[in-house]
Amino acid sequence: MYIVVSNLGKKLKTLGKVLVFLLALGVLIPGAIALYNNYAPAVSTWLQEKSQEVGPMRTEPMQKTWFDQVVDQYVIKLQDFYYEERE
């Protein structure tokens, strides 16, 4: 069986381009996967934090600490004082 090969140089050049392309894909795809795996935990925790938000404004925690209660009382007293001075 004889195979007629015409334009051997052109076909070898095309074959070389295809092999270089496949080699580049073989190197780039595992590198991209490794890079993604390095940053995947950060992305997944960011998405979890975003999904826990209720709406555009964050909600206050259900249990207030002692400091939060003191600050709230101070703000209320300051508002009362301000409104008394205005009147």
PDB file of N, CA and C in Angstrom:
ATOM      1  N   MET A   1       0.850  -1.159   0.000  1.00  0.00           N
ATOM      2  CA  MET A   1       0.000   0.000   0.000  1.00  0.00           C
ATOM      3  C   MET A   1       0.901   1.229   0.000  1.00  0.00           C
ATOM      4  N   TYR A   2       0.660   2.058  -0.960  1.00  0.00           N
ATOM      5  CA  TYR A   2       1.446   3.282  -1.098  1.00  0.00           C
ATOM      6  C   TYR A   2       0.612   4.488  -0.666  1.00  0.00           C
ATOM      7  N   ILE A   3       1.210   5.358   0.084  1.00  0.00           N
ATOM      8  CA  ILE A   3       0.540   6.591   0.482  1.00  0.00           C
ATOM      9  C   ILE A   3       1.208   7.724  -0.273  1.00  0.00           C
ATOM     10  N   VAL A   4       0.382   8.446  -0.990  1.00  0.00           N
ATOM     11  CA  VAL A   4       0.895   9.560  -1.759  1.00  0.00           C
ATOM     12  C   VAL A   4       0.897  10.784  -0.848  1.00  0.00           C
ATOM     13  N   VAL A   5       2.062  11.327  -0.630  1.00  0.00           N
ATOM     14  CA  VAL A   5       2.189  12.478   0.244  1.00  0.00           C
ATOM     15  C   VAL A   5       2.635  13.656  -0.608  1.00  0.00           C
ATOM     16  N   SER A   6       1.725  14.584  -0.748  1.00  0.00           N
ATOM     17  CA  SER A   6       2.092  15.810  -1.446  1.00  0.00           C
ATOM     18  C   SER A   6       2.121  16.938  -0.427  1.00  0.00           C
ATOM     19  N   ASN A   7       2.930  17.917  -0.650  1.00  0.00           N
ATOM     20  CA  ASN A   7       3.097  19.044   0.276  1.00  0.00           C
ATOM     21  C   ASN A   7       3.488  18.550   1.674  1.00  0.00           C
ATOM     22  N   LEU A   8       4.519  17.724   1.706  1.00  0.00           N
ATOM     23  CA  LEU A   8       4.952  17.129   2.972  1.00  0.00           C
ATOM     24  C   LEU A   8       5.358  18.202   3.987  1.00  0.00           C
ATOM     25  N   GLY A   9       6.041  19.232   3.545  1.00  0.00           N
ATOM     26  CA  GLY A   9       6.473  20.297   4.460  1.00  0.00           C
ATOM     27  C   GLY A   9       5.297  21.008   5.101  1.00  0.00           C
ATOM     28  N   LYS A  10       4.265  21.306   4.308  1.00  0.00           N
ATOM     29  CA  LYS A  10       3.073  21.992   4.820  1.00  0.00           C
ATOM     30  C   LYS A  10       2.344  21.125   5.841  1.00  0.00           C
ATOM     31  N   LYS A  11       2.243  19.828   5.553  1.00  0.00           N
ATOM     32  CA  LYS A  11       1.547  18.924   6.470  1.00  0.00           C
ATOM     33  C   LYS A  11       2.337  18.742   7.768  1.00  0.00           C
ATOM     34  N   LEU A  12       3.665  18.674   7.679  1.00  0.00           N
ATOM     35  CA  LEU A  12       4.472  18.550   8.890  1.00  0.00           C
ATOM     36  C   LEU A  12       4.383  19.819   9.737  1.00  0.00           C
ATOM     37  N   LYS A  13       4.330  20.972   9.069  1.00  0.00           N
ATOM     38  CA  LYS A  13       4.198  22.235   9.795  1.00  0.00           C
ATOM     39  C   LYS A  13       2.853  22.299  10.521  1.00  0.00           C
ATOM     40  N   THR A  14       1.782  21.869   9.860  1.00  0.00           N
ATOM     41  CA  THR A  14       0.456  21.851  10.480  1.00  0.00           C
ATOM     42  C   THR A  14       0.428  20.868  11.656  1.00  0.00           C
ATOM     43  N   LEU A  15       1.039  19.699  11.455  1.00  0.00           N
ATOM     44  CA  LEU A  15       1.109  18.705  12.528  1.00  0.00           C
ATOM     45  C   LEU A  15       1.897  19.256  13.717  1.00  0.00           C
ATOM     46  N   GLY A  16       2.971  19.959  13.448  1.00  0.00           N
ATOM     47  CA  GLY A  16       3.760  20.578  14.513  1.00  0.00           C
ATOM     48  C   GLY A  16       2.950  21.608  15.280  1.00  0.00           C
ATOM     49  N   LYS A  17       2.173  22.429  14.566  1.00  0.00           N
ATOM     50  CA  LYS A  17       1.327  23.428  15.228  1.00  0.00           C
ATOM     51  C   LYS A  17       0.295  22.763  16.129  1.00  0.00           C
ATOM     52  N   VAL A  18      -0.311  21.690  15.637  1.00  0.00           N
ATOM     53  CA  VAL A  18      -1.313  20.971  16.428  1.00  0.00           C
ATOM     54  C   VAL A  18      -0.669  20.373  17.679  1.00  0.00           C
ATOM     55  N   LEU A  19       0.517  19.782  17.530  1.00  0.00           N
ATOM     56  CA  LEU A  19       1.192  19.191  18.686  1.00  0.00           C
ATOM     57  C   LEU A  19       1.594  20.256  19.711  1.00  0.00           C
ATOM     58  N   VAL A  20       2.068  21.407  19.243  1.00  0.00           N
ATOM     59  CA  VAL A  20       2.420  22.490  20.163  1.00  0.00           C
ATOM     60  C   VAL A  20       1.173  22.998  20.881  1.00  0.00           C
ATOM     61  N   PHE A  21       0.062  23.114  20.158  1.00  0.00           N
ATOM     62  CA  PHE A  21      -1.193  23.557  20.766  1.00  0.00           C
ATOM     63  C   PHE A  21      -1.660  22.573  21.835  1.00  0.00           C
ATOM     64  N   LEU A  22      -1.609  21.276  21.537  1.00  0.00           N
ATOM     65  CA  LEU A  22      -2.014  20.267  22.516  1.00  0.00           C
ATOM     66  C   LEU A  22      -1.080  20.259  23.728  1.00  0.00           C
ATOM     67  N   LEU A  23       0.208  20.456  23.495  1.00  0.00           N
ATOM     68  CA  LEU A  23       1.159  20.527  24.597  1.00  0.00           C
ATOM     69  C   LEU A  23       0.877  21.744  25.481  1.00  0.00           C
ATOM     70  N   ALA A  24       0.570  22.876  24.853  1.00  0.00           N
ATOM     71  CA  ALA A  24       0.248  24.085  25.621  1.00  0.00           C
ATOM     72  C   ALA A  24      -1.015  23.876  26.447  1.00  0.00           C
ATOM     73  N   LEU A  25      -2.027  23.252  25.862  1.00  0.00           N
ATOM     74  CA  LEU A  25      -3.245  22.957  26.627  1.00  0.00           C
ATOM     75  C   LEU A  25      -2.956  21.995  27.773  1.00  0.00           C
ATOM     76  N   GLY A  26      -2.107  21.017  27.520  1.00  0.00           N
ATOM     77  CA  GLY A  26      -1.747  20.054  28.553  1.00  0.00           C
ATOM     78  C   GLY A  26      -1.019  20.689  29.717  1.00  0.00           C
ATOM     79  N   VAL A  27      -0.320  21.785  29.473  1.00  0.00           N
ATOM     80  CA  VAL A  27       0.385  22.478  30.550  1.00  0.00           C
ATOM     81  C   VAL A  27      -0.517  23.518  31.210  1.00  0.00           C
ATOM     82  N   LEU A  28      -1.291  24.249  30.424  1.00  0.00           N
ATOM     83  CA  LEU A  28      -2.092  25.347  30.961  1.00  0.00           C
ATOM     84  C   LEU A  28      -3.302  24.877  31.762  1.00  0.00           C
ATOM     85  N   ILE A  29      -3.971  23.846  31.322  1.00  0.00           N
ATOM     86  CA  ILE A  29      -5.187  23.398  32.015  1.00  0.00           C
ATOM     87  C   ILE A  29      -4.874  22.888  33.428  1.00  0.00           C
ATOM     88  N   PRO A  30      -3.888  22.012  33.624  1.00  0.00           N
ATOM     89  CA  PRO A  30      -3.574  21.626  35.014  1.00  0.00           C
ATOM     90  C   PRO A  30      -3.088  22.802  35.862  1.00  0.00           C
ATOM     91  N   GLY A  31      -2.354  23.730  35.251  1.00  0.00           N
ATOM     92  CA  GLY A  31      -1.913  24.915  35.992  1.00  0.00           C
ATOM     93  C   GLY A  31      -3.083  25.769  36.428  1.00  0.00           C
ATOM     94  N   ALA A  32      -4.065  25.947  35.544  1.00  0.00           N
ATOM     95  CA  ALA A  32      -5.250  26.736  35.887  1.00  0.00           C
ATOM     96  C   ALA A  32      -6.065  26.040  36.979  1.00  0.00           C
ATOM     97  N   ILE A  33      -6.150  24.731  36.916  1.00  0.00           N
ATOM     98  CA  ILE A  33      -6.889  23.984  37.942  1.00  0.00           C
ATOM     99  C   ILE A  33      -6.187  24.113  39.296  1.00  0.00           C
ATOM    100  N   ALA A  34      -4.860  24.017  39.303  1.00  0.00           N
ATOM    101  CA  ALA A  34      -4.113  24.166  40.560  1.00  0.00           C
ATOM    102  C   ALA A  34      -4.272  25.577  41.116  1.00  0.00           C
ATOM    103  N   LEU A  35      -4.248  26.573  40.247  1.00  0.00           N
ATOM    104  CA  LEU A  35      -4.427  27.955  40.688  1.00  0.00           C
ATOM    105  C   LEU A  35      -5.825  28.158  41.265  1.00  0.00           C
ATOM    106  N   TYR A  36      -6.835  27.583  40.625  1.00  0.00           N
ATOM    107  CA  TYR A  36      -8.205  27.685  41.135  1.00  0.00           C
ATOM    108  C   TYR A  36      -8.328  27.008  42.494  1.00  0.00           C
ATOM    109  N   ASN A  37      -7.702  25.852  42.649  1.00  0.00           N
ATOM    110  CA  ASN A  37      -7.795  25.136  43.928  1.00  0.00           C
ATOM    111  C   ASN A  37      -7.130  25.911  45.058  1.00  0.00           C
ATOM    112  N   ASN A  38      -6.133  26.740  44.733  1.00  0.00           N
ATOM    113  CA  ASN A  38      -5.513  27.564  45.776  1.00  0.00           C
ATOM    114  C   ASN A  38      -6.452  28.654  46.250  1.00  0.00           C
ATOM    115  N   TYR A  39      -7.253  29.206  45.345  1.00  0.00           N
ATOM    116  CA  TYR A  39      -8.137  30.312  45.699  1.00  0.00           C
ATOM    117  C   TYR A  39      -9.577  29.872  45.951  1.00  0.00           C
ATOM    118  N   ALA A  40      -9.910  28.635  45.739  1.00  0.00           N
ATOM    119  CA  ALA A  40     -11.284  28.156  45.896  1.00  0.00           C
ATOM    120  C   ALA A  40     -11.808  28.319  47.321  1.00  0.00           C
ATOM    121  N   PRO A  41     -11.030  28.025  48.364  1.00  0.00           N
ATOM    122  CA  PRO A  41     -11.582  28.220  49.716  1.00  0.00           C
ATOM    123  C   PRO A  41     -11.965  29.667  49.993  1.00  0.00           C
ATOM    124  N   ALA A  42     -11.163  30.609  49.518  1.00  0.00           N
ATOM    125  CA  ALA A  42     -11.482  32.024  49.743  1.00  0.00           C
ATOM    126  C   ALA A  42     -12.764  32.410  49.021  1.00  0.00           C
ATOM    127  N   VAL A  43     -12.923  31.915  47.799  1.00  0.00           N
ATOM    128  CA  VAL A  43     -14.123  32.244  47.024  1.00  0.00           C
ATOM    129  C   VAL A  43     -15.350  31.612  47.655  1.00  0.00           C
ATOM    130  N   SER A  44     -15.230  30.366  48.110  1.00  0.00           N
ATOM    131  CA  SER A  44     -16.401  29.691  48.673  1.00  0.00           C
ATOM    132  C   SER A  44     -16.835  30.336  49.988  1.00  0.00           C
ATOM    133  N   THR A  45     -15.889  30.767  50.831  1.00  0.00           N
ATOM    134  CA  THR A  45     -16.293  31.422  52.076  1.00  0.00           C
ATOM    135  C   THR A  45     -16.900  32.784  51.793  1.00  0.00           C
ATOM    136  N   TRP A  46     -16.399  33.476  50.769  1.00  0.00           N
ATOM    137  CA  TRP A  46     -16.983  34.771  50.403  1.00  0.00           C
ATOM    138  C   TRP A  46     -18.422  34.580  49.946  1.00  0.00           C
ATOM    139  N   LEU A  47     -18.669  33.527  49.175  1.00  0.00           N
ATOM    140  CA  LEU A  47     -20.034  33.270  48.713  1.00  0.00           C
ATOM    141  C   LEU A  47     -20.938  32.885  49.874  1.00  0.00           C
ATOM    142  N   GLN A  48     -20.420  32.139  50.843  1.00  0.00           N
ATOM    143  CA  GLN A  48     -21.232  31.782  52.003  1.00  0.00           C
ATOM    144  C   GLN A  48     -21.585  33.017  52.816  1.00  0.00           C
ATOM    145  N   GLU A  49     -20.628  33.927  52.979  1.00  0.00           N
ATOM    146  CA  GLU A  49     -20.913  35.155  53.726  1.00  0.00           C
ATOM    147  C   GLU A  49     -21.963  35.987  53.008  1.00  0.00           C
ATOM    148  N   LYS A  50     -21.883  36.051  51.691  1.00  0.00           N
ATOM    149  CA  LYS A  50     -22.850  36.826  50.929  1.00  0.00           C
ATOM    150  C   LYS A  50     -24.234  36.187  50.998  1.00  0.00           C
ATOM    151  N   SER A  51     -24.310  34.865  51.015  1.00  0.00           N
ATOM    152  CA  SER A  51     -25.617  34.212  51.021  1.00  0.00           C
ATOM    153  C   SER A  51     -26.307  34.348  52.378  1.00  0.00           C
ATOM    154  N   GLN A  52     -25.553  34.606  53.442  1.00  0.00           N
ATOM    155  CA  GLN A  52     -26.156  34.739  54.763  1.00  0.00           C
ATOM    156  C   GLN A  52     -26.763  36.110  54.987  1.00  0.00           C
ATOM    157  N   GLU A  53     -26.439  37.062  54.131  1.00  0.00           N
ATOM    158  CA  GLU A  53     -27.020  38.392  54.275  1.00  0.00           C
ATOM    159  C   GLU A  53     -28.496  38.350  53.906  1.00  0.00           C
ATOM    160  N   VAL A  54     -29.313  38.999  54.704  1.00  0.00           N
ATOM    161  CA  VAL A  54     -30.751  38.963  54.485  1.00  0.00           C
ATOM    162  C   VAL A  54     -31.147  39.906  53.371  1.00  0.00           C
ATOM    163  N   GLY A  55     -30.662  41.097  53.407  1.00  0.00           N
ATOM    164  CA  GLY A  55     -31.028  42.085  52.408  1.00  0.00           C
ATOM    165  C   GLY A  55     -29.907  43.085  52.244  1.00  0.00           C
ATOM    166  N   PRO A  56     -30.251  44.273  51.765  1.00  0.00           N
ATOM    167  CA  PRO A  56     -29.200  45.261  51.559  1.00  0.00           C
ATOM    168  C   PRO A  56     -28.589  45.765  52.862  1.00  0.00           C
ATOM    169  N   MET A  57     -29.345  45.681  53.945  1.00  0.00           N
ATOM    170  CA  MET A  57     -28.812  46.106  55.241  1.00  0.00           C
ATOM    171  C   MET A  57     -28.602  44.877  56.116  1.00  0.00           C
ATOM    172  N   ARG A  58     -27.520  44.881  56.836  1.00  0.00           N
ATOM    173  CA  ARG A  58     -27.256  43.750  57.729  1.00  0.00           C
ATOM    174  C   ARG A  58     -28.162  43.835  58.952  1.00  0.00           C
ATOM    175  N   THR A  59     -28.592  42.702  59.435  1.00  0.00           N
ATOM    176  CA  THR A  59     -29.461  42.684  60.605  1.00  0.00           C
ATOM    177  C   THR A  59     -28.614  42.681  61.869  1.00  0.00           C
ATOM    178  N   GLU A  60     -29.187  43.156  62.959  1.00  0.00           N
ATOM    179  CA  GLU A  60     -28.475  43.171  64.226  1.00  0.00           C
ATOM    180  C   GLU A  60     -28.469  41.769  64.820  1.00  0.00           C
ATOM    181  N   PRO A  61     -27.435  41.438  65.564  1.00  0.00           N
ATOM    182  CA  PRO A  61     -27.414  40.118  66.203  1.00  0.00           C
ATOM    183  C   PRO A  61     -28.533  40.005  67.233  1.00  0.00           C
ATOM    184  N   MET A  62     -29.010  38.798  67.444  1.00  0.00           N
ATOM    185  CA  MET A  62     -30.133  38.584  68.350  1.00  0.00           C
ATOM    186  C   MET A  62     -29.732  38.846  69.802  1.00  0.00           C
ATOM    187  N   GLN A  63     -28.559  38.413  70.220  1.00  0.00           N
ATOM    188  CA  GLN A  63     -28.125  38.615  71.599  1.00  0.00           C
ATOM    189  C   GLN A  63     -27.165  39.793  71.634  1.00  0.00           C
ATOM    190  N   LYS A  64     -27.504  40.787  72.434  1.00  0.00           N
ATOM    191  CA  LYS A  64     -26.641  41.952  72.555  1.00  0.00           C
ATOM    192  C   LYS A  64     -25.695  41.762  73.732  1.00  0.00           C
ATOM    193  N   THR A  65     -24.502  42.228  73.548  1.00  0.00           N
ATOM    194  CA  THR A  65     -23.530  42.163  74.634  1.00  0.00           C
ATOM    195  C   THR A  65     -23.766  43.326  75.588  1.00  0.00           C
ATOM    196  N   TRP A  66     -23.054  43.300  76.699  1.00  0.00           N
ATOM    197  CA  TRP A  66     -23.179  44.370  77.686  1.00  0.00           C
ATOM    198  C   TRP A  66     -22.797  45.707  77.065  1.00  0.00           C
ATOM    199  N   PHE A  67     -21.740  45.715  76.269  1.00  0.00           N
ATOM    200  CA  PHE A  67     -21.287  46.949  75.638  1.00  0.00           C
ATOM    201  C   PHE A  67     -22.354  47.505  74.693  1.00  0.00           C
ATOM    202  N   ASP A  68     -22.986  46.633  73.912  1.00  0.00           N
ATOM    203  CA  ASP A  68     -24.040  47.089  72.994  1.00  0.00           C
ATOM    204  C   ASP A  68     -25.199  47.725  73.755  1.00  0.00           C
ATOM    205  N   GLN A  69     -25.577  47.127  74.879  1.00  0.00           N
ATOM    206  CA  GLN A  69     -26.676  47.684  75.669  1.00  0.00           C
ATOM    207  C   GLN A  69     -26.315  49.049  76.247  1.00  0.00           C
ATOM    208  N   VAL A  70     -25.088  49.198  76.715  1.00  0.00           N
ATOM    209  CA  VAL A  70     -24.655  50.481  77.278  1.00  0.00           C
ATOM    210  C   VAL A  70     -24.634  51.550  76.197  1.00  0.00           C
ATOM    211  N   VAL A  71     -24.138  51.210  75.022  1.00  0.00           N
ATOM    212  CA  VAL A  71     -24.097  52.180  73.921  1.00  0.00           C
ATOM    213  C   VAL A  71     -25.510  52.567  73.504  1.00  0.00           C
ATOM    214  N   ASP A  72     -26.419  51.597  73.441  1.00  0.00           N
ATOM    215  CA  ASP A  72     -27.808  51.910  73.091  1.00  0.00           C
ATOM    216  C   ASP A  72     -28.436  52.859  74.113  1.00  0.00           C
ATOM    217  N   GLN A  73     -28.209  52.603  75.391  1.00  0.00           N
ATOM    218  CA  GLN A  73     -28.754  53.490  76.426  1.00  0.00           C
ATOM    219  C   GLN A  73     -28.172  54.891  76.317  1.00  0.00           C
ATOM    220  N   TYR A  74     -26.885  54.987  76.033  1.00  0.00           N
ATOM    221  CA  TYR A  74     -26.240  56.292  75.883  1.00  0.00           C
ATOM    222  C   TYR A  74     -26.833  57.053  74.704  1.00  0.00           C
ATOM    223  N   VAL A  75     -27.038  56.367  73.595  1.00  0.00           N
ATOM    224  CA  VAL A  75     -27.602  57.022  72.409  1.00  0.00           C
ATOM    225  C   VAL A  75     -29.018  57.513  72.692  1.00  0.00           C
ATOM    226  N   ILE A  76     -29.808  56.709  73.383  1.00  0.00           N
ATOM    227  CA  ILE A  76     -31.182  57.115  73.703  1.00  0.00           C
ATOM    228  C   ILE A  76     -31.176  58.338  74.620  1.00  0.00           C
ATOM    229  N   LYS A  77     -30.313  58.332  75.636  1.00  0.00           N
ATOM    230  CA  LYS A  77     -30.231  59.492  76.537  1.00  0.00           C
ATOM    231  C   LYS A  77     -29.751  60.731  75.796  1.00  0.00           C
ATOM    232  N   LEU A  78     -28.811  60.566  74.880  1.00  0.00           N
ATOM    233  CA  LEU A  78     -28.310  61.693  74.100  1.00  0.00           C
ATOM    234  C   LEU A  78     -29.393  62.252  73.184  1.00  0.00           C
ATOM    235  N   GLN A  79     -30.194  61.369  72.595  1.00  0.00           N
ATOM    236  CA  GLN A  79     -31.296  61.836  71.745  1.00  0.00           C
ATOM    237  C   GLN A  79     -32.327  62.593  72.574  1.00  0.00           C
ATOM    238  N   ASP A  80     -32.667  62.056  73.736  1.00  0.00           N
ATOM    239  CA  ASP A  80     -33.625  62.750  74.608  1.00  0.00           C
ATOM    240  C   ASP A  80     -33.104  64.131  74.998  1.00  0.00           C
ATOM    241  N   PHE A  81     -31.827  64.212  75.343  1.00  0.00           N
ATOM    242  CA  PHE A  81     -31.236  65.495  75.711  1.00  0.00           C
ATOM    243  C   PHE A  81     -31.286  66.471  74.541  1.00  0.00           C
ATOM    244  N   TYR A  82     -30.989  65.992  73.343  1.00  0.00           N
ATOM    245  CA  TYR A  82     -31.000  66.852  72.161  1.00  0.00           C
ATOM    246  C   TYR A  82     -32.410  67.376  71.892  1.00  0.00           C
ATOM    247  N   TYR A  83     -33.406  66.505  71.988  1.00  0.00           N
ATOM    248  CA  TYR A  83     -34.784  66.936  71.721  1.00  0.00           C
ATOM    249  C   TYR A  83     -35.300  67.880  72.808  1.00  0.00           C
ATOM    250  N   GLU A  84     -34.865  67.702  74.052  1.00  0.00           N
ATOM    251  CA  GLU A  84     -35.260  68.625  75.122  1.00  0.00           C
ATOM    252  C   GLU A  84     -34.657  70.002  74.893  1.00  0.00           C
ATOM    253  N   GLU A  85     -33.428  70.063  74.407  1.00  0.00           N
ATOM    254  CA  GLU A  85     -32.769  71.343  74.145  1.00  0.00           C
ATOM    255  C   GLU A  85     -33.421  72.077  72.977  1.00  0.00           C
ATOM    256  N   ARG A  86     -33.915  71.348  71.998  1.00  0.00           N
ATOM    257  CA  ARG A  86     -34.551  71.979  70.831  1.00  0.00           C
ATOM    258  C   ARG A  86     -35.872  72.623  71.205  1.00  0.00           C
ATOM    259  N   GLU A  87     -36.561  72.057  72.145  1.00  0.00           N
ATOM    260  CA  GLU A  87     -37.897  72.566  72.503  1.00  0.00           C
ATOM    261  C   GLU A  87     -37.812  73.716  73.390  1.00  0.00           C
TER     262      GLU A  87
END
